[in-house]
PDB file of N, CA and C in Angstrom:
ATOM      1  N   MET A   1       0.830  -1.179   0.000  1.00  0.00           N
ATOM      2  CA  MET A   1       0.000   0.000   0.000  1.00  0.00           C
ATOM      3  C   MET A   1       0.879   1.248   0.000  1.00  0.00           C
ATOM      4  N   GLU A   2       1.963   1.239   0.754  1.00  0.00           N
ATOM      5  CA  GLU A   2       2.845   2.404   0.807  1.00  0.00           C
ATOM      6  C   GLU A   2       3.478   2.667  -0.555  1.00  0.00           C
ATOM      7  N   LYS A   3       3.849   1.626  -1.293  1.00  0.00           N
ATOM      8  CA  LYS A   3       4.466   1.803  -2.599  1.00  0.00           C
ATOM      9  C   LYS A   3       3.483   2.423  -3.574  1.00  0.00           C
ATOM     10  N   LEU A   4       2.234   2.017  -3.513  1.00  0.00           N
ATOM     11  CA  LEU A   4       1.203   2.587  -4.372  1.00  0.00           C
ATOM     12  C   LEU A   4       1.049   4.077  -4.086  1.00  0.00           C
ATOM     13  N   ILE A   5       1.068   4.443  -2.830  1.00  0.00           N
ATOM     14  CA  ILE A   5       0.913   5.849  -2.462  1.00  0.00           C
ATOM     15  C   ILE A   5       2.120   6.661  -2.932  1.00  0.00           C
ATOM     16  N   ASP A   6       3.313   6.094  -2.918  1.00  0.00           N
ATOM     17  CA  ASP A   6       4.513   6.794  -3.376  1.00  0.00           C
ATOM     18  C   ASP A   6       4.473   7.055  -4.876  1.00  0.00           C
ATOM     19  N   ILE A   7       3.805   6.193  -5.653  1.00  0.00           N
ATOM     20  CA  ILE A   7       3.742   6.343  -7.109  1.00  0.00           C
ATOM     21  C   ILE A   7       2.797   7.478  -7.512  1.00  0.00           C
ATOM     22  N   ILE A   8       1.757   7.700  -6.728  1.00  0.00           N
ATOM     23  CA  ILE A   8       0.756   8.723  -7.048  1.00  0.00           C
ATOM     24  C   ILE A   8       1.421  10.108  -7.063  1.00  0.00           C
ATOM     25  N   ASN A   9       1.047  10.917  -8.063  1.00  0.00           N
ATOM     26  CA  ASN A   9       1.717  12.195  -8.267  1.00  0.00           C
ATOM     27  C   ASN A   9       1.213  13.325  -7.373  1.00  0.00           C
ATOM     28  N   THR A  10      -0.074  13.520  -7.301  1.00  0.00           N
ATOM     29  CA  THR A  10      -0.585  14.698  -6.598  1.00  0.00           C
ATOM     30  C   THR A  10      -0.995  14.352  -5.175  1.00  0.00           C
ATOM     31  N   ASP A  11      -0.992  15.367  -4.330  1.00  0.00           N
ATOM     32  CA  ASP A  11      -1.417  15.191  -2.949  1.00  0.00           C
ATOM     33  C   ASP A  11      -2.881  14.780  -2.880  1.00  0.00           C
ATOM     34  N   ASN A  12      -3.701  15.321  -3.780  1.00  0.00           N
ATOM     35  CA  ASN A  12      -5.117  14.997  -3.793  1.00  0.00           C
ATOM     36  C   ASN A  12      -5.318  13.506  -4.081  1.00  0.00           C
ATOM     37  N   GLU A  13      -4.590  12.978  -5.071  1.00  0.00           N
ATOM     38  CA  GLU A  13      -4.693  11.548  -5.396  1.00  0.00           C
ATOM     39  C   GLU A  13      -4.220  10.690  -4.217  1.00  0.00           C
ATOM     40  N   ARG A  14      -3.143  11.114  -3.572  1.00  0.00           N
ATOM     41  CA  ARG A  14      -2.635  10.391  -2.404  1.00  0.00           C
ATOM     42  C   ARG A  14      -3.682  10.340  -1.301  1.00  0.00           C
ATOM     43  N   ASN A  15      -4.325  11.474  -1.051  1.00  0.00           N
ATOM     44  CA  ASN A  15      -5.341  11.537   0.000  1.00  0.00           C
ATOM     45  C   ASN A  15      -6.529  10.641  -0.315  1.00  0.00           C
ATOM     46  N   ILE A  16      -6.945  10.618  -1.581  1.00  0.00           N
ATOM     47  CA  ILE A  16      -8.077   9.786  -1.987  1.00  0.00           C
ATOM     48  C   ILE A  16      -7.738   8.308  -1.799  1.00  0.00           C
ATOM     49  N   ILE A  17      -6.563   7.892  -2.263  1.00  0.00           N
ATOM     50  CA  ILE A  17      -6.137   6.495  -2.134  1.00  0.00           C
ATOM     51  C   ILE A  17      -6.010   6.116  -0.655  1.00  0.00           C
ATOM     52  N   GLN A  18      -5.417   6.990   0.127  1.00  0.00           N
ATOM     53  CA  GLN A  18      -5.241   6.705   1.553  1.00  0.00           C
ATOM     54  C   GLN A  18      -6.593   6.570   2.249  1.00  0.00           C
ATOM     55  N   GLU A  19      -7.547   7.431   1.900  1.00  0.00           N
ATOM     56  CA  GLU A  19      -8.880   7.378   2.501  1.00  0.00           C
ATOM     57  C   GLU A  19      -9.601   6.080   2.133  1.00  0.00           C
ATOM     58  N   ILE A  20      -9.493   5.666   0.877  1.00  0.00           N
ATOM     59  CA  ILE A  20     -10.118   4.413   0.440  1.00  0.00           C
ATOM     60  C   ILE A  20      -9.510   3.233   1.193  1.00  0.00           C
ATOM     61  N   CYS A  21      -8.199   3.203   1.290  1.00  0.00           N
ATOM     62  CA  CYS A  21      -7.524   2.102   1.973  1.00  0.00           C
ATOM     63  C   CYS A  21      -7.886   2.077   3.455  1.00  0.00           C
ATOM     64  N   ASP A  22      -7.907   3.220   4.098  1.00  0.00           N
ATOM     65  CA  ASP A  22      -8.237   3.292   5.521  1.00  0.00           C
ATOM     66  C   ASP A  22      -9.669   2.832   5.767  1.00  0.00           C
ATOM     67  N   ASN A  23     -10.597   3.241   4.925  1.00  0.00           N
ATOM     68  CA  ASN A  23     -11.996   2.854   5.096  1.00  0.00           C
ATOM     69  C   ASN A  23     -12.186   1.352   4.903  1.00  0.00           C
ATOM     70  N   ASP A  24     -11.517   0.770   3.924  1.00  0.00           N
ATOM     71  CA  ASP A  24     -11.639  -0.668   3.683  1.00  0.00           C
ATOM     72  C   ASP A  24     -11.071  -1.469   4.849  1.00  0.00           C
ATOM     73  N   LEU A  25      -9.950  -1.013   5.411  1.00  0.00           N
ATOM     74  CA  LEU A  25      -9.348  -1.729   6.523  1.00  0.00           C
ATOM     75  C   LEU A  25     -10.202  -1.609   7.776  1.00  0.00           C
ATOM     76  N   ALA A  26     -10.870  -0.484   7.942  1.00  0.00           N
ATOM     77  CA  ALA A  26     -11.709  -0.287   9.120  1.00  0.00           C
ATOM     78  C   ALA A  26     -12.940  -1.181   9.080  1.00  0.00           C
ATOM     79  N   LYS A  27     -13.404  -1.557   7.891  1.00  0.00           N
ATOM     80  CA  LYS A  27     -14.600  -2.381   7.763  1.00  0.00           C
ATOM     81  C   LYS A  27     -14.322  -3.851   8.055  1.00  0.00           C
ATOM     82  N   VAL A  28     -13.070  -4.272   7.925  1.00  0.00           N
ATOM     83  CA  VAL A  28     -12.724  -5.676   8.143  1.00  0.00           C
ATOM     84  C   VAL A  28     -12.756  -5.967   9.640  1.00  0.00           C
ATOM     85  N   LYS A  29     -13.542  -6.971  10.030  1.00  0.00           N
ATOM     86  CA  LYS A  29     -13.653  -7.348  11.430  1.00  0.00           C
ATOM     87  C   LYS A  29     -13.044  -8.736  11.603  1.00  0.00           C
ATOM     88  N   ASN A  30     -12.174  -8.854  12.578  1.00  0.00           N
ATOM     89  CA  ASN A  30     -11.570 -10.155  12.855  1.00  0.00           C
ATOM     90  C   ASN A  30     -12.612 -11.083  13.434  1.00  0.00           C
ATOM     91  N   THR A  31     -12.651 -12.296  12.930  1.00  0.00           N
ATOM     92  CA  THR A  31     -13.586 -13.290  13.434  1.00  0.00           C
ATOM     93  C   THR A  31     -12.850 -14.361  14.235  1.00  0.00           C
ATOM     94  N   TYR A  32     -11.632 -14.081  14.609  1.00  0.00           N
ATOM     95  CA  TYR A  32     -10.849 -15.029  15.376  1.00  0.00           C
ATOM     96  C   TYR A  32     -10.221 -14.310  16.560  1.00  0.00           C
ATOM     97  N   GLY A  33      -9.900 -15.069  17.604  1.00  0.00           N
ATOM     98  CA  GLY A  33      -9.269 -14.505  18.783  1.00  0.00           C
ATOM     99  C   GLY A  33     -10.234 -13.677  19.615  1.00  0.00           C
ATOM    100  N   GLY A  34      -9.753 -13.219  20.745  1.00  0.00           N
ATOM    101  CA  GLY A  34     -10.563 -12.379  21.608  1.00  0.00           C
ATOM    102  C   GLY A  34     -11.605 -13.156  22.385  1.00  0.00           C
ATOM    103  N   LYS A  35     -12.416 -12.424  23.143  1.00  0.00           N
ATOM    104  CA  LYS A  35     -13.453 -13.045  23.956  1.00  0.00           C
ATOM    105  C   LYS A  35     -14.721 -13.241  23.148  1.00  0.00           C
ATOM    106  N   ARG A  36     -15.335 -14.378  23.326  1.00  0.00           N
ATOM    107  CA  ARG A  36     -16.639 -14.647  22.726  1.00  0.00           C
ATOM    108  C   ARG A  36     -17.479 -15.383  23.753  1.00  0.00           C
ATOM    109  N   LYS A  37     -18.747 -15.057  23.833  1.00  0.00           N
ATOM    110  CA  LYS A  37     -19.633 -15.702  24.780  1.00  0.00           C
ATOM    111  C   LYS A  37     -19.715 -17.202  24.475  1.00  0.00           C
ATOM    112  N   GLY A  38     -19.542 -18.016  25.507  1.00  0.00           N
ATOM    113  CA  GLY A  38     -19.641 -19.461  25.347  1.00  0.00           C
ATOM    114  C   GLY A  38     -18.382 -20.135  24.846  1.00  0.00           C
ATOM    115  N   SER A  39     -17.314 -19.364  24.600  1.00  0.00           N
ATOM    116  CA  SER A  39     -16.088 -19.986  24.098  1.00  0.00           C
ATOM    117  C   SER A  39     -15.248 -20.517  25.257  1.00  0.00           C
ATOM    118  N   GLY A  40     -14.319 -21.349  24.939  1.00  0.00           N
ATOM    119  CA  GLY A  40     -13.411 -21.882  25.944  1.00  0.00           C
ATOM    120  C   GLY A  40     -13.853 -23.240  26.466  1.00  0.00           C
ATOM    121  N   ALA A  41     -12.975 -23.833  27.216  1.00  0.00           N
ATOM    122  CA  ALA A  41     -13.246 -25.163  27.769  1.00  0.00           C
ATOM    123  C   ALA A  41     -14.329 -25.075  28.840  1.00  0.00           C
ATOM    124  N   LYS A  42     -15.206 -26.031  28.829  1.00  0.00           N
ATOM    125  CA  LYS A  42     -16.264 -26.098  29.837  1.00  0.00           C
ATOM    126  C   LYS A  42     -15.705 -26.779  31.082  1.00  0.00           C
ATOM    127  N   PRO A  43     -16.189 -26.397  32.260  1.00  0.00           N
ATOM    128  CA  PRO A  43     -15.663 -27.014  33.489  1.00  0.00           C
ATOM    129  C   PRO A  43     -16.008 -28.501  33.555  1.00  0.00           C
ATOM    130  N   LYS A  44     -15.050 -29.290  34.020  1.00  0.00           N
ATOM    131  CA  LYS A  44     -15.275 -30.730  34.137  1.00  0.00           C
ATOM    132  C   LYS A  44     -15.747 -31.111  35.541  1.00  0.00           C
ATOM    133  N   TYR A  45     -15.539 -30.211  36.496  1.00  0.00           N
ATOM    134  CA  TYR A  45     -15.870 -30.503  37.883  1.00  0.00           C
ATOM    135  C   TYR A  45     -16.667 -29.340  38.462  1.00  0.00           C
ATOM    136  N   ASN A  46     -17.335 -29.566  39.560  1.00  0.00           N
ATOM    137  CA  ASN A  46     -18.158 -28.531  40.189  1.00  0.00           C
ATOM    138  C   ASN A  46     -17.369 -27.643  41.143  1.00  0.00           C
ATOM    139  N   GLU A  47     -16.078 -27.636  41.016  1.00  0.00           N
ATOM    140  CA  GLU A  47     -15.232 -26.813  41.876  1.00  0.00           C
ATOM    141  C   GLU A  47     -13.960 -26.440  41.131  1.00  0.00           C
ATOM    142  N   LYS A  48     -13.185 -25.535  41.698  1.00  0.00           N
ATOM    143  CA  LYS A  48     -11.919 -25.142  41.072  1.00  0.00           C
ATOM    144  C   LYS A  48     -10.945 -26.312  41.100  1.00  0.00           C
ATOM    145  N   THR A  49     -10.044 -26.312  40.117  1.00  0.00           N
ATOM    146  CA  THR A  49      -9.051 -27.384  40.039  1.00  0.00           C
ATOM    147  C   THR A  49      -7.652 -26.797  40.109  1.00  0.00           C
ATOM    148  N   THR A  50      -6.677 -27.648  40.333  1.00  0.00           N
ATOM    149  CA  THR A  50      -5.277 -27.237  40.356  1.00  0.00           C
ATOM    150  C   THR A  50      -4.439 -28.337  39.714  1.00  0.00           C
ATOM    151  N   THR A  51      -3.267 -27.987  39.261  1.00  0.00           N
ATOM    152  CA  THR A  51      -2.346 -28.945  38.657  1.00  0.00           C
ATOM    153  C   THR A  51      -1.350 -29.388  39.715  1.00  0.00           C
ATOM    154  N   ILE A  52      -1.094 -30.688  39.772  1.00  0.00           N
ATOM    155  CA  ILE A  52      -0.102 -31.207  40.721  1.00  0.00           C
ATOM    156  C   ILE A  52       0.929 -32.030  39.959  1.00  0.00           C
ATOM    157  N   ALA A  53       2.094 -32.160  40.542  1.00  0.00           N
ATOM    158  CA  ALA A  53       3.158 -32.983  39.955  1.00  0.00           C
ATOM    159  C   ALA A  53       3.893 -33.685  41.095  1.00  0.00           C
ATOM    160  N   PHE A  54       4.228 -34.931  40.885  1.00  0.00           N
ATOM    161  CA  PHE A  54       4.972 -35.671  41.891  1.00  0.00           C
ATOM    162  C   PHE A  54       5.741 -36.792  41.217  1.00  0.00           C
ATOM    163  N   ARG A  55       6.699 -37.343  41.933  1.00  0.00           N
ATOM    164  CA  ARG A  55       7.532 -38.416  41.391  1.00  0.00           C
ATOM    165  C   ARG A  55       6.885 -39.776  41.657  1.00  0.00           C
ATOM    166  N   CYS A  56       7.128 -40.667  40.717  1.00  0.00           N
ATOM    167  CA  CYS A  56       6.557 -42.008  40.786  1.00  0.00           C
ATOM    168  C   CYS A  56       7.579 -42.976  40.177  1.00  0.00           C
ATOM    169  N   PRO A  57       7.689 -44.184  40.715  1.00  0.00           N
ATOM    170  CA  PRO A  57       8.598 -45.150  40.096  1.00  0.00           C
ATOM    171  C   PRO A  57       8.166 -45.431  38.648  1.00  0.00           C
ATOM    172  N   GLN A  58       9.124 -45.544  37.755  1.00  0.00           N
ATOM    173  CA  GLN A  58       8.821 -45.744  36.340  1.00  0.00           C
ATOM    174  C   GLN A  58       7.978 -46.988  36.095  1.00  0.00           C
ATOM    175  N   SER A  59       8.200 -48.019  36.869  1.00  0.00           N
ATOM    176  CA  SER A  59       7.459 -49.262  36.664  1.00  0.00           C
ATOM    177  C   SER A  59       5.984 -49.131  37.048  1.00  0.00           C
ATOM    178  N   LYS A  60       5.619 -48.066  37.768  1.00  0.00           N
ATOM    179  CA  LYS A  60       4.244 -47.890  38.249  1.00  0.00           C
ATOM    180  C   LYS A  60       3.494 -46.765  37.536  1.00  0.00           C
ATOM    181  N   VAL A  61       4.123 -46.122  36.549  1.00  0.00           N
ATOM    182  CA  VAL A  61       3.519 -44.959  35.881  1.00  0.00           C
ATOM    183  C   VAL A  61       2.191 -45.320  35.228  1.00  0.00           C
ATOM    184  N   SER A  62       2.146 -46.362  34.433  1.00  0.00           N
ATOM    185  CA  SER A  62       0.905 -46.705  33.725  1.00  0.00           C
ATOM    186  C   SER A  62      -0.200 -47.094  34.708  1.00  0.00           C
ATOM    187  N   GLU A  63       0.155 -47.811  35.771  1.00  0.00           N
ATOM    188  CA  GLU A  63      -0.834 -48.186  36.782  1.00  0.00           C
ATOM    189  C   GLU A  63      -1.397 -46.955  37.484  1.00  0.00           C
ATOM    190  N   LEU A  64      -0.504 -46.027  37.830  1.00  0.00           N
ATOM    191  CA  LEU A  64      -0.935 -44.806  38.509  1.00  0.00           C
ATOM    192  C   LEU A  64      -1.820 -43.950  37.593  1.00  0.00           C
ATOM    193  N   LYS A  65      -1.428 -43.834  36.314  1.00  0.00           N
ATOM    194  CA  LYS A  65      -2.236 -43.065  35.362  1.00  0.00           C
ATOM    195  C   LYS A  65      -3.640 -43.651  35.229  1.00  0.00           C
ATOM    196  N   SER A  66      -3.726 -44.974  35.180  1.00  0.00           N
ATOM    197  CA  SER A  66      -5.027 -45.636  35.080  1.00  0.00           C
ATOM    198  C   SER A  66      -5.895 -45.338  36.297  1.00  0.00           C
ATOM    199  N   LEU A  67      -5.300 -45.409  37.475  1.00  0.00           N
ATOM    200  CA  LEU A  67      -6.043 -45.126  38.702  1.00  0.00           C
ATOM    201  C   LEU A  67      -6.531 -43.682  38.743  1.00  0.00           C
ATOM    202  N   VAL A  68      -5.650 -42.771  38.411  1.00  0.00           N
ATOM    203  CA  VAL A  68      -6.005 -41.348  38.447  1.00  0.00           C
ATOM    204  C   VAL A  68      -7.079 -41.042  37.406  1.00  0.00           C
ATOM    205  N   LYS A  69      -6.914 -41.564  36.204  1.00  0.00           N
ATOM    206  CA  LYS A  69      -7.902 -41.320  35.146  1.00  0.00           C
ATOM    207  C   LYS A  69      -9.277 -41.853  35.534  1.00  0.00           C
ATOM    208  N   ALA A  70      -9.320 -43.043  36.123  1.00  0.00           N
ATOM    209  CA  ALA A  70     -10.587 -43.634  36.546  1.00  0.00           C
ATOM    210  C   ALA A  70     -11.257 -42.777  37.616  1.00  0.00           C
ATOM    211  N   LYS A  71     -10.474 -42.289  38.564  1.00  0.00           N
ATOM    212  CA  LYS A  71     -11.025 -41.469  39.636  1.00  0.00           C
ATOM    213  C   LYS A  71     -11.519 -40.128  39.081  1.00  0.00           C
ATOM    214  N   LEU A  72     -10.773 -39.507  38.171  1.00  0.00           N
ATOM    215  CA  LEU A  72     -11.194 -38.235  37.582  1.00  0.00           C
ATOM    216  C   LEU A  72     -12.477 -38.400  36.773  1.00  0.00           C
ATOM    217  N   CYS A  73     -12.600 -39.517  36.055  1.00  0.00           N
ATOM    218  CA  CYS A  73     -13.832 -39.785  35.305  1.00  0.00           C
ATOM    219  C   CYS A  73     -15.015 -39.947  36.259  1.00  0.00           C
ATOM    220  N   GLU A  74     -14.766 -40.540  37.394  1.00  0.00           N
ATOM    221  CA  GLU A  74     -15.810 -40.721  38.402  1.00  0.00           C
ATOM    222  C   GLU A  74     -16.292 -39.365  38.942  1.00  0.00           C
ATOM    223  N   TRP A  75     -15.377 -38.431  39.098  1.00  0.00           N
ATOM    224  CA  TRP A  75     -15.700 -37.112  39.661  1.00  0.00           C
ATOM    225  C   TRP A  75     -16.252 -36.147  38.609  1.00  0.00           C
ATOM    226  N   ALA A  76     -16.012 -36.404  37.340  1.00  0.00           N
ATOM    227  CA  ALA A  76     -16.364 -35.460  36.280  1.00  0.00           C
ATOM    228  C   ALA A  76     -17.875 -35.289  36.185  1.00  0.00           C
ATOM    229  N   ILE A  77     -18.268 -34.078  35.769  1.00  0.00           N
ATOM    230  CA  ILE A  77     -19.686 -33.792  35.533  1.00  0.00           C
ATOM    231  C   ILE A  77     -19.957 -33.887  34.037  1.00  0.00           C
ATOM    232  N   THR A  78     -21.192 -34.081  33.669  1.00  0.00           N
ATOM    233  CA  THR A  78     -21.557 -34.169  32.255  1.00  0.00           C
ATOM    234  C   THR A  78     -21.948 -32.788  31.759  1.00  0.00           C
ATOM    235  N   ASN A  79     -21.252 -32.282  30.740  1.00  0.00           N
ATOM    236  CA  ASN A  79     -21.590 -30.994  30.121  1.00  0.00           C
ATOM    237  C   ASN A  79     -22.518 -31.216  28.961  1.00  0.00           C
ATOM    238  N   LYS A  80     -23.595 -30.446  28.919  1.00  0.00           N
ATOM    239  CA  LYS A  80     -24.554 -30.582  27.824  1.00  0.00           C
ATOM    240  C   LYS A  80     -24.508 -29.367  26.940  1.00  0.00           C
TER     241      LYS A  80
END
């Protein structure tokens, strides 16, 4: 856009082109990002949650994950 404006000879032509470009850009509305009603992850539980981390023997990782996943599924609420 700047190169086009540099090519134009008169100030009047520059102003007209700049006004057209500014008006077209102002009409474009982003449809992505920002806040939108109803967007985002729905709560899985009826209370606040927190992230925890702890050490576990490598041989017990899959067993522990299974236990934790089963318990979290038991506590989860159904979102409609």
